[in-house]
């Protein structure tokens, strides 16, 4: 390899690195917190539970949330896995609620007690900017933010 070829290769590698990391500026990932359980409905031995999630965007630019992959545990036992679209774009420097559902065997949610829940997973999102969009669409850079929520469900009587 000639000296010119090595310099050209190094410059191309550096340029690609800058494009992949720096063109859209520094974008912090969104954060998530549990807001509770919105509704529960039991039918045929299964209970549909909707968990309400507060998503916060610490950036100036809006961030579209694309896909949530998650698992739900009740009292320490994993009972559900799901994938869904949050169908929301987080405004800059703001928070927004979205919901993730789970269908859980009614035996895990016996009435008359308080059950603890834990949700673990990740949220794929878009980084603002035309280059980031191209990289996302080409599956070259698909940013993910961790999702870890804990709370309790009052199962009443």
N, C-alpha and C. Protein backbone atom coordinates (compact mmCIF):
# COMPACT_ATOMS: atom_id res chain seq x y z
N UNK A 1 0.85 -1.17 0.00
CA UNK A 1 0.00 0.00 0.00
C UNK A 1 0.90 1.24 0.00
N UNK A 2 0.59 2.15 -0.88
CA UNK A 2 1.41 3.36 -0.97
C UNK A 2 1.04 4.34 0.14
N UNK A 3 1.93 5.29 0.35
CA UNK A 3 1.69 6.29 1.39
C UNK A 3 0.41 7.08 1.09
N UNK A 4 0.17 7.42 -0.17
CA UNK A 4 -1.02 8.16 -0.57
C UNK A 4 -2.29 7.35 -0.30
N UNK A 5 -2.25 6.06 -0.60
CA UNK A 5 -3.41 5.20 -0.36
C UNK A 5 -3.71 5.11 1.13
N UNK A 6 -2.67 4.97 1.96
CA UNK A 6 -2.87 4.91 3.41
C UNK A 6 -3.50 6.19 3.94
N UNK A 7 -3.03 7.34 3.43
CA UNK A 7 -3.59 8.63 3.87
C UNK A 7 -5.04 8.76 3.43
N UNK A 8 -5.33 8.33 2.22
CA UNK A 8 -6.71 8.41 1.71
C UNK A 8 -7.62 7.51 2.53
N UNK A 9 -7.16 6.30 2.83
CA UNK A 9 -7.95 5.37 3.63
C UNK A 9 -8.18 5.92 5.03
N UNK A 10 -7.16 6.48 5.63
CA UNK A 10 -7.29 7.07 6.97
C UNK A 10 -8.26 8.24 6.96
N UNK A 11 -8.18 9.08 5.94
CA UNK A 11 -9.08 10.24 5.84
C UNK A 11 -10.52 9.77 5.65
N UNK A 12 -10.73 8.75 4.83
CA UNK A 12 -12.08 8.23 4.60
C UNK A 12 -12.65 7.63 5.89
N UNK A 13 -11.82 6.89 6.62
CA UNK A 13 -12.26 6.29 7.87
C UNK A 13 -12.60 7.37 8.89
N UNK A 14 -11.76 8.38 9.00
CA UNK A 14 -12.03 9.48 9.91
C UNK A 14 -13.30 10.22 9.52
N UNK A 15 -13.46 10.47 8.24
CA UNK A 15 -14.66 11.16 7.77
C UNK A 15 -15.92 10.37 8.07
N UNK A 16 -15.89 9.06 7.84
CA UNK A 16 -17.05 8.23 8.13
C UNK A 16 -17.34 8.21 9.63
N UNK A 17 -16.30 8.15 10.44
CA UNK A 17 -16.49 8.18 11.89
C UNK A 17 -17.15 9.47 12.34
N UNK A 18 -16.71 10.58 11.78
CA UNK A 18 -17.30 11.87 12.13
C UNK A 18 -18.76 11.91 11.69
N UNK A 19 -19.05 11.41 10.51
CA UNK A 19 -20.43 11.39 10.04
C UNK A 19 -21.31 10.53 10.92
N UNK A 20 -20.80 9.37 11.33
CA UNK A 20 -21.63 8.46 12.12
C UNK A 20 -21.86 8.97 13.54
N UNK A 21 -20.93 9.75 14.07
CA UNK A 21 -21.08 10.17 15.46
C UNK A 21 -21.39 11.64 15.65
N UNK A 22 -21.01 12.49 14.70
CA UNK A 22 -21.08 13.90 15.01
C UNK A 22 -22.03 14.74 14.22
N UNK A 23 -22.59 14.26 13.14
CA UNK A 23 -23.39 15.13 12.29
C UNK A 23 -24.66 15.63 12.95
N UNK A 24 -25.26 14.82 13.76
CA UNK A 24 -26.50 15.26 14.38
C UNK A 24 -26.24 15.89 15.74
N UNK A 25 -24.98 16.11 16.09
CA UNK A 25 -24.66 16.68 17.38
C UNK A 25 -24.85 15.62 18.46
N UNK A 26 -24.70 16.05 19.68
CA UNK A 26 -24.87 15.13 20.79
C UNK A 26 -26.35 15.06 21.14
N UNK A 27 -26.90 13.87 21.01
CA UNK A 27 -28.30 13.65 21.34
C UNK A 27 -28.35 12.69 22.51
N UNK A 28 -28.94 13.12 23.60
CA UNK A 28 -29.09 12.26 24.77
C UNK A 28 -30.30 11.37 24.57
N UNK A 29 -30.24 10.13 25.05
CA UNK A 29 -31.39 9.24 24.88
C UNK A 29 -32.56 9.68 25.76
N UNK A 30 -33.78 9.38 25.35
CA UNK A 30 -34.93 9.67 26.20
C UNK A 30 -34.87 8.80 27.46
N UNK A 31 -35.56 9.24 28.50
CA UNK A 31 -35.66 8.47 29.73
C UNK A 31 -37.12 8.13 30.00
N UNK A 32 -37.34 7.11 30.82
CA UNK A 32 -38.70 6.61 31.04
C UNK A 32 -38.94 6.36 32.52
N UNK A 33 -40.16 6.65 32.97
CA UNK A 33 -40.55 6.37 34.35
C UNK A 33 -41.98 5.84 34.36
N UNK A 34 -42.28 5.03 35.36
CA UNK A 34 -43.61 4.45 35.50
C UNK A 34 -44.58 5.49 36.04
N UNK A 35 -45.76 5.55 35.45
CA UNK A 35 -46.81 6.44 35.93
C UNK A 35 -47.98 5.67 36.51
N UNK A 36 -47.94 4.35 36.41
CA UNK A 36 -49.00 3.54 37.01
C UNK A 36 -49.68 2.65 36.00
N UNK A 37 -50.83 2.14 36.42
CA UNK A 37 -51.63 1.24 35.61
C UNK A 37 -52.94 1.93 35.31
N UNK A 38 -53.29 2.02 34.01
CA UNK A 38 -54.47 2.77 33.62
C UNK A 38 -55.75 1.94 33.70
N UNK A 39 -55.71 0.70 33.26
CA UNK A 39 -56.94 -0.09 33.28
C UNK A 39 -56.61 -1.55 33.39
N UNK A 40 -57.55 -2.27 33.96
CA UNK A 40 -57.43 -3.72 34.01
C UNK A 40 -58.79 -4.29 33.64
N UNK A 41 -58.74 -5.32 32.82
CA UNK A 41 -59.98 -5.95 32.35
C UNK A 41 -59.72 -7.45 32.28
N UNK A 42 -60.57 -8.24 32.92
CA UNK A 42 -60.40 -9.69 32.93
C UNK A 42 -61.47 -10.35 32.09
N UNK A 43 -61.01 -11.30 31.26
CA UNK A 43 -61.91 -12.06 30.40
C UNK A 43 -61.28 -13.41 30.12
N UNK A 44 -62.04 -14.47 30.30
CA UNK A 44 -61.58 -15.83 30.00
C UNK A 44 -60.25 -16.18 30.68
N UNK A 45 -60.11 -15.83 31.94
CA UNK A 45 -58.93 -16.22 32.70
C UNK A 45 -57.68 -15.40 32.41
N UNK A 46 -57.80 -14.34 31.65
CA UNK A 46 -56.67 -13.46 31.35
C UNK A 46 -57.05 -12.03 31.70
N UNK A 47 -56.05 -11.29 32.17
CA UNK A 47 -56.28 -9.90 32.53
C UNK A 47 -55.44 -9.01 31.62
N UNK A 48 -56.11 -8.04 31.00
CA UNK A 48 -55.41 -7.05 30.17
C UNK A 48 -55.07 -5.87 31.06
N UNK A 49 -53.77 -5.56 31.13
CA UNK A 49 -53.27 -4.47 31.95
C UNK A 49 -52.58 -3.47 31.03
N UNK A 50 -52.83 -2.19 31.24
CA UNK A 50 -52.17 -1.15 30.46
C UNK A 50 -51.29 -0.34 31.41
N UNK A 51 -49.98 -0.38 31.15
CA UNK A 51 -49.02 0.37 31.96
C UNK A 51 -48.80 1.73 31.31
N UNK A 52 -48.85 2.77 32.11
CA UNK A 52 -48.65 4.13 31.61
C UNK A 52 -47.20 4.52 31.88
N UNK A 53 -46.53 4.99 30.82
CA UNK A 53 -45.11 5.32 30.87
C UNK A 53 -44.93 6.81 30.57
N UNK A 54 -44.13 7.47 31.37
CA UNK A 54 -43.78 8.87 31.11
C UNK A 54 -42.42 8.88 30.41
N UNK A 55 -42.38 9.39 29.19
CA UNK A 55 -41.14 9.50 28.42
C UNK A 55 -40.68 10.94 28.43
N UNK A 56 -39.40 11.16 28.69
CA UNK A 56 -38.84 12.51 28.77
C UNK A 56 -37.73 12.68 27.74
N UNK A 57 -37.81 13.77 26.99
CA UNK A 57 -36.80 14.11 25.99
C UNK A 57 -35.91 15.22 26.56
N UNK A 58 -34.62 14.93 26.83
CA UNK A 58 -33.73 15.95 27.37
C UNK A 58 -33.07 16.83 26.30
N UNK A 59 -33.54 16.72 25.07
CA UNK A 59 -32.93 17.43 23.94
C UNK A 59 -33.84 18.54 23.42
N UNK A 60 -33.25 19.44 22.67
CA UNK A 60 -34.00 20.55 22.06
C UNK A 60 -34.90 20.06 20.94
N UNK A 61 -34.41 19.13 20.13
CA UNK A 61 -35.16 18.63 18.97
C UNK A 61 -36.12 17.51 19.37
N UNK A 62 -37.27 17.42 18.71
CA UNK A 62 -38.20 16.31 18.98
C UNK A 62 -37.56 14.96 18.65
N UNK A 63 -37.97 13.93 19.37
CA UNK A 63 -37.47 12.57 19.14
C UNK A 63 -38.66 11.64 18.91
N UNK A 64 -38.77 11.08 17.70
CA UNK A 64 -39.81 10.08 17.46
C UNK A 64 -39.45 8.75 18.12
N UNK A 65 -40.37 8.19 18.88
CA UNK A 65 -40.20 6.87 19.45
C UNK A 65 -40.78 5.86 18.46
N UNK A 66 -40.02 4.84 18.12
CA UNK A 66 -40.42 3.93 17.05
C UNK A 66 -40.94 2.58 17.52
N UNK A 67 -40.23 1.95 18.48
CA UNK A 67 -40.58 0.58 18.81
C UNK A 67 -40.16 0.28 20.24
N UNK A 68 -41.08 -0.34 20.98
CA UNK A 68 -40.79 -0.76 22.35
C UNK A 68 -40.80 -2.29 22.38
N UNK A 69 -39.73 -2.88 22.88
CA UNK A 69 -39.66 -4.32 23.11
C UNK A 69 -39.53 -4.49 24.62
N UNK A 70 -40.42 -5.30 25.23
CA UNK A 70 -40.45 -5.33 26.69
C UNK A 70 -40.94 -6.68 27.21
N UNK A 71 -40.57 -6.93 28.46
CA UNK A 71 -41.03 -8.09 29.21
C UNK A 71 -41.60 -7.59 30.53
N UNK A 72 -42.64 -8.27 31.01
CA UNK A 72 -43.31 -7.88 32.24
C UNK A 72 -43.19 -9.01 33.26
N UNK A 73 -42.81 -8.65 34.47
CA UNK A 73 -42.77 -9.61 35.58
C UNK A 73 -43.77 -9.15 36.64
N UNK A 74 -44.49 -10.11 37.20
CA UNK A 74 -45.39 -9.85 38.32
C UNK A 74 -44.85 -10.64 39.51
N UNK A 75 -44.61 -9.94 40.61
CA UNK A 75 -44.06 -10.55 41.82
C UNK A 75 -42.83 -11.40 41.52
N UNK A 76 -41.97 -10.91 40.62
CA UNK A 76 -40.71 -11.57 40.33
C UNK A 76 -40.75 -12.63 39.25
N UNK A 77 -41.93 -12.99 38.76
CA UNK A 77 -42.03 -14.02 37.72
C UNK A 77 -42.41 -13.41 36.38
N UNK A 78 -41.66 -13.74 35.32
CA UNK A 78 -41.93 -13.18 33.99
C UNK A 78 -43.21 -13.77 33.45
N UNK A 79 -44.14 -12.90 33.02
CA UNK A 79 -45.46 -13.36 32.60
C UNK A 79 -45.87 -12.89 31.20
N UNK A 80 -45.10 -11.97 30.60
CA UNK A 80 -45.51 -11.44 29.30
C UNK A 80 -44.32 -10.82 28.58
N UNK A 81 -44.30 -10.97 27.25
CA UNK A 81 -43.35 -10.28 26.39
C UNK A 81 -44.13 -9.61 25.28
N UNK A 82 -43.72 -8.41 24.92
CA UNK A 82 -44.44 -7.68 23.89
C UNK A 82 -43.56 -6.76 23.07
N UNK A 83 -44.09 -6.39 21.91
CA UNK A 83 -43.46 -5.42 21.02
C UNK A 83 -44.59 -4.52 20.53
N UNK A 84 -44.35 -3.23 20.56
CA UNK A 84 -45.36 -2.31 20.04
C UNK A 84 -44.76 -0.97 19.71
N UNK A 85 -45.52 -0.17 18.99
CA UNK A 85 -45.11 1.20 18.68
C UNK A 85 -45.73 2.13 19.71
N UNK A 86 -44.93 3.00 20.32
CA UNK A 86 -45.50 3.97 21.26
C UNK A 86 -46.36 5.03 20.57
N UNK A 87 -46.22 5.12 19.24
CA UNK A 87 -47.01 6.09 18.46
C UNK A 87 -46.91 7.49 19.03
N UNK A 88 -45.67 7.91 19.31
CA UNK A 88 -45.51 9.26 19.82
C UNK A 88 -44.15 9.83 19.45
N UNK A 89 -44.15 11.14 19.35
CA UNK A 89 -42.92 11.90 19.16
C UNK A 89 -42.78 12.81 20.37
N UNK A 90 -41.64 12.72 21.03
CA UNK A 90 -41.43 13.53 22.23
C UNK A 90 -41.00 14.94 21.82
N UNK A 91 -41.76 15.95 22.21
CA UNK A 91 -41.34 17.33 21.93
C UNK A 91 -40.02 17.63 22.65
N UNK A 92 -39.29 18.60 22.15
CA UNK A 92 -38.03 19.00 22.76
C UNK A 92 -38.22 19.46 24.19
N UNK A 93 -37.29 19.09 25.06
CA UNK A 93 -37.30 19.46 26.47
C UNK A 93 -38.67 19.25 27.11
N UNK A 94 -39.25 18.10 26.86
CA UNK A 94 -40.61 17.87 27.34
C UNK A 94 -40.82 16.40 27.67
N UNK A 95 -41.97 16.12 28.26
CA UNK A 95 -42.37 14.75 28.59
C UNK A 95 -43.72 14.45 27.96
N UNK A 96 -43.95 13.17 27.76
CA UNK A 96 -45.22 12.75 27.17
C UNK A 96 -45.52 11.33 27.65
N UNK A 97 -46.78 11.02 27.82
CA UNK A 97 -47.19 9.69 28.26
C UNK A 97 -47.47 8.79 27.06
N UNK A 98 -47.14 7.50 27.21
CA UNK A 98 -47.60 6.50 26.26
C UNK A 98 -47.91 5.23 27.04
N UNK A 99 -48.57 4.29 26.41
CA UNK A 99 -49.04 3.10 27.10
C UNK A 99 -48.45 1.85 26.48
N UNK A 100 -48.18 0.86 27.34
CA UNK A 100 -47.79 -0.45 26.85
C UNK A 100 -48.70 -1.49 27.53
N UNK A 101 -49.32 -2.34 26.72
CA UNK A 101 -50.26 -3.32 27.25
C UNK A 101 -49.57 -4.65 27.57
N UNK A 102 -50.23 -5.42 28.41
CA UNK A 102 -49.81 -6.79 28.67
C UNK A 102 -51.06 -7.61 28.96
N UNK A 103 -51.07 -8.84 28.51
CA UNK A 103 -52.15 -9.77 28.84
C UNK A 103 -51.54 -10.83 29.75
N UNK A 104 -52.08 -10.90 30.95
CA UNK A 104 -51.48 -11.71 32.01
C UNK A 104 -52.51 -12.71 32.51
N UNK A 105 -52.07 -13.93 32.76
CA UNK A 105 -52.97 -14.94 33.34
C UNK A 105 -53.54 -14.43 34.65
N UNK A 106 -54.84 -14.58 34.81
CA UNK A 106 -55.53 -14.05 35.99
C UNK A 106 -54.98 -14.63 37.29
N UNK A 107 -54.39 -15.82 37.24
CA UNK A 107 -53.83 -16.40 38.46
C UNK A 107 -52.64 -15.60 38.99
N UNK A 108 -51.97 -14.84 38.12
CA UNK A 108 -50.86 -13.97 38.56
C UNK A 108 -51.35 -12.70 39.22
N UNK A 109 -52.63 -12.37 39.00
CA UNK A 109 -53.20 -11.12 39.52
C UNK A 109 -54.43 -11.43 40.38
N UNK A 110 -54.25 -12.21 41.42
CA UNK A 110 -55.36 -12.56 42.29
C UNK A 110 -55.85 -11.33 43.06
N UNK A 111 -57.14 -11.18 43.15
CA UNK A 111 -57.75 -10.02 43.81
C UNK A 111 -57.42 -10.01 45.31
N UNK A 112 -57.52 -8.83 45.89
CA UNK A 112 -57.37 -8.67 47.33
C UNK A 112 -55.94 -8.46 47.80
N UNK A 113 -55.05 -8.10 46.91
CA UNK A 113 -53.67 -7.88 47.34
C UNK A 113 -53.02 -6.82 46.45
N UNK A 114 -51.80 -6.47 46.79
CA UNK A 114 -51.00 -5.56 45.98
C UNK A 114 -49.89 -6.39 45.34
N UNK A 115 -49.80 -6.34 44.02
CA UNK A 115 -48.76 -7.08 43.29
C UNK A 115 -47.70 -6.10 42.81
N UNK A 116 -46.45 -6.52 42.85
CA UNK A 116 -45.40 -5.67 42.30
C UNK A 116 -45.16 -6.05 40.84
N UNK A 117 -44.81 -5.05 40.03
CA UNK A 117 -44.49 -5.34 38.64
C UNK A 117 -43.14 -4.74 38.28
N UNK A 118 -42.53 -5.34 37.28
CA UNK A 118 -41.28 -4.84 36.73
C UNK A 118 -41.37 -5.00 35.22
N UNK A 119 -40.96 -3.97 34.51
CA UNK A 119 -40.93 -4.01 33.05
C UNK A 119 -39.50 -3.73 32.62
N UNK A 120 -38.94 -4.62 31.83
CA UNK A 120 -37.60 -4.45 31.30
C UNK A 120 -37.64 -4.53 29.78
N UNK A 121 -36.88 -3.67 29.13
CA UNK A 121 -36.83 -3.72 27.68
C UNK A 121 -36.04 -2.56 27.12
N UNK A 122 -36.38 -2.18 25.90
CA UNK A 122 -35.70 -1.06 25.25
C UNK A 122 -36.67 -0.36 24.30
N UNK A 123 -36.33 0.89 24.01
CA UNK A 123 -37.13 1.71 23.10
C UNK A 123 -36.22 2.19 21.98
N UNK A 124 -36.58 1.85 20.75
CA UNK A 124 -35.84 2.35 19.59
C UNK A 124 -36.42 3.71 19.22
N UNK A 125 -35.53 4.64 18.86
CA UNK A 125 -35.97 5.99 18.55
C UNK A 125 -35.12 6.57 17.43
N UNK A 126 -35.60 7.66 16.85
CA UNK A 126 -34.89 8.36 15.78
C UNK A 126 -34.10 9.53 16.35
N UNK A 127 -32.89 9.70 15.87
CA UNK A 127 -32.11 10.89 16.17
C UNK A 127 -32.45 11.91 15.08
N UNK A 128 -32.68 13.17 15.44
CA UNK A 128 -33.00 14.18 14.43
C UNK A 128 -31.87 14.39 13.43
N UNK A 129 -32.23 14.73 12.21
CA UNK A 129 -31.24 15.07 11.19
C UNK A 129 -31.32 14.15 9.99
N UNK A 130 -31.05 14.70 8.81
CA UNK A 130 -31.17 13.91 7.57
C UNK A 130 -30.20 12.73 7.50
N UNK A 131 -28.95 12.91 7.95
CA UNK A 131 -28.01 11.79 7.90
C UNK A 131 -28.43 10.70 8.88
N UNK A 132 -28.85 11.09 10.07
CA UNK A 132 -29.31 10.12 11.05
C UNK A 132 -30.49 9.32 10.51
N UNK A 133 -31.36 9.97 9.77
CA UNK A 133 -32.53 9.30 9.17
C UNK A 133 -32.08 8.26 8.15
N UNK A 134 -31.11 8.62 7.32
CA UNK A 134 -30.59 7.69 6.31
C UNK A 134 -29.95 6.48 7.00
N UNK A 135 -29.14 6.73 8.03
CA UNK A 135 -28.49 5.64 8.75
C UNK A 135 -29.50 4.75 9.45
N UNK A 136 -30.57 5.34 9.99
CA UNK A 136 -31.62 4.57 10.64
C UNK A 136 -32.34 3.69 9.61
N UNK A 137 -32.71 4.28 8.50
CA UNK A 137 -33.43 3.54 7.46
C UNK A 137 -32.59 2.40 6.88
N UNK A 138 -31.27 2.58 6.85
CA UNK A 138 -30.37 1.54 6.33
C UNK A 138 -30.00 0.53 7.42
N UNK A 139 -30.55 0.69 8.61
CA UNK A 139 -30.27 -0.18 9.75
C UNK A 139 -28.80 -0.14 10.18
N UNK A 140 -28.13 0.98 9.90
CA UNK A 140 -26.73 1.13 10.28
C UNK A 140 -26.57 1.75 11.67
N UNK A 141 -27.54 2.56 12.04
CA UNK A 141 -27.52 3.20 13.36
C UNK A 141 -28.95 3.32 13.86
N UNK A 142 -29.32 2.40 14.75
CA UNK A 142 -30.66 2.38 15.32
C UNK A 142 -30.49 2.55 16.84
N UNK A 143 -30.59 3.78 17.32
CA UNK A 143 -30.38 4.01 18.75
C UNK A 143 -31.49 3.40 19.59
N UNK A 144 -31.10 2.91 20.76
CA UNK A 144 -32.04 2.32 21.71
C UNK A 144 -31.80 2.92 23.09
N UNK A 145 -32.87 3.16 23.80
CA UNK A 145 -32.79 3.62 25.18
C UNK A 145 -33.32 2.51 26.07
N UNK A 146 -32.70 2.29 27.23
CA UNK A 146 -33.18 1.24 28.12
C UNK A 146 -34.52 1.60 28.74
N UNK A 147 -35.32 0.58 28.97
CA UNK A 147 -36.61 0.74 29.63
C UNK A 147 -36.62 -0.17 30.85
N UNK A 148 -36.68 0.42 32.03
CA UNK A 148 -36.77 -0.35 33.26
C UNK A 148 -37.74 0.38 34.18
N UNK A 149 -38.86 -0.26 34.44
CA UNK A 149 -39.91 0.35 35.25
C UNK A 149 -40.29 -0.59 36.37
N UNK A 150 -40.64 -0.02 37.51
CA UNK A 150 -41.12 -0.82 38.63
C UNK A 150 -42.26 -0.08 39.29
N UNK A 151 -43.19 -0.85 39.84
CA UNK A 151 -44.31 -0.25 40.53
C UNK A 151 -45.17 -1.33 41.14
N UNK A 152 -46.37 -0.95 41.55
CA UNK A 152 -47.27 -1.91 42.13
C UNK A 152 -48.68 -1.74 41.57
N UNK A 153 -49.41 -2.82 41.62
CA UNK A 153 -50.79 -2.84 41.16
C UNK A 153 -51.66 -3.21 42.34
N UNK A 154 -52.58 -2.33 42.69
CA UNK A 154 -53.52 -2.62 43.78
C UNK A 154 -54.68 -3.40 43.17
N UNK A 155 -54.79 -4.66 43.54
CA UNK A 155 -55.80 -5.53 42.94
C UNK A 155 -57.12 -5.47 43.69
N UNK A 156 -57.20 -4.65 44.71
CA UNK A 156 -58.47 -4.43 45.40
C UNK A 156 -59.10 -5.74 45.87
N UNK A 157 -60.44 -5.80 45.71
CA UNK A 157 -61.15 -6.99 46.20
C UNK A 157 -61.64 -7.83 45.08
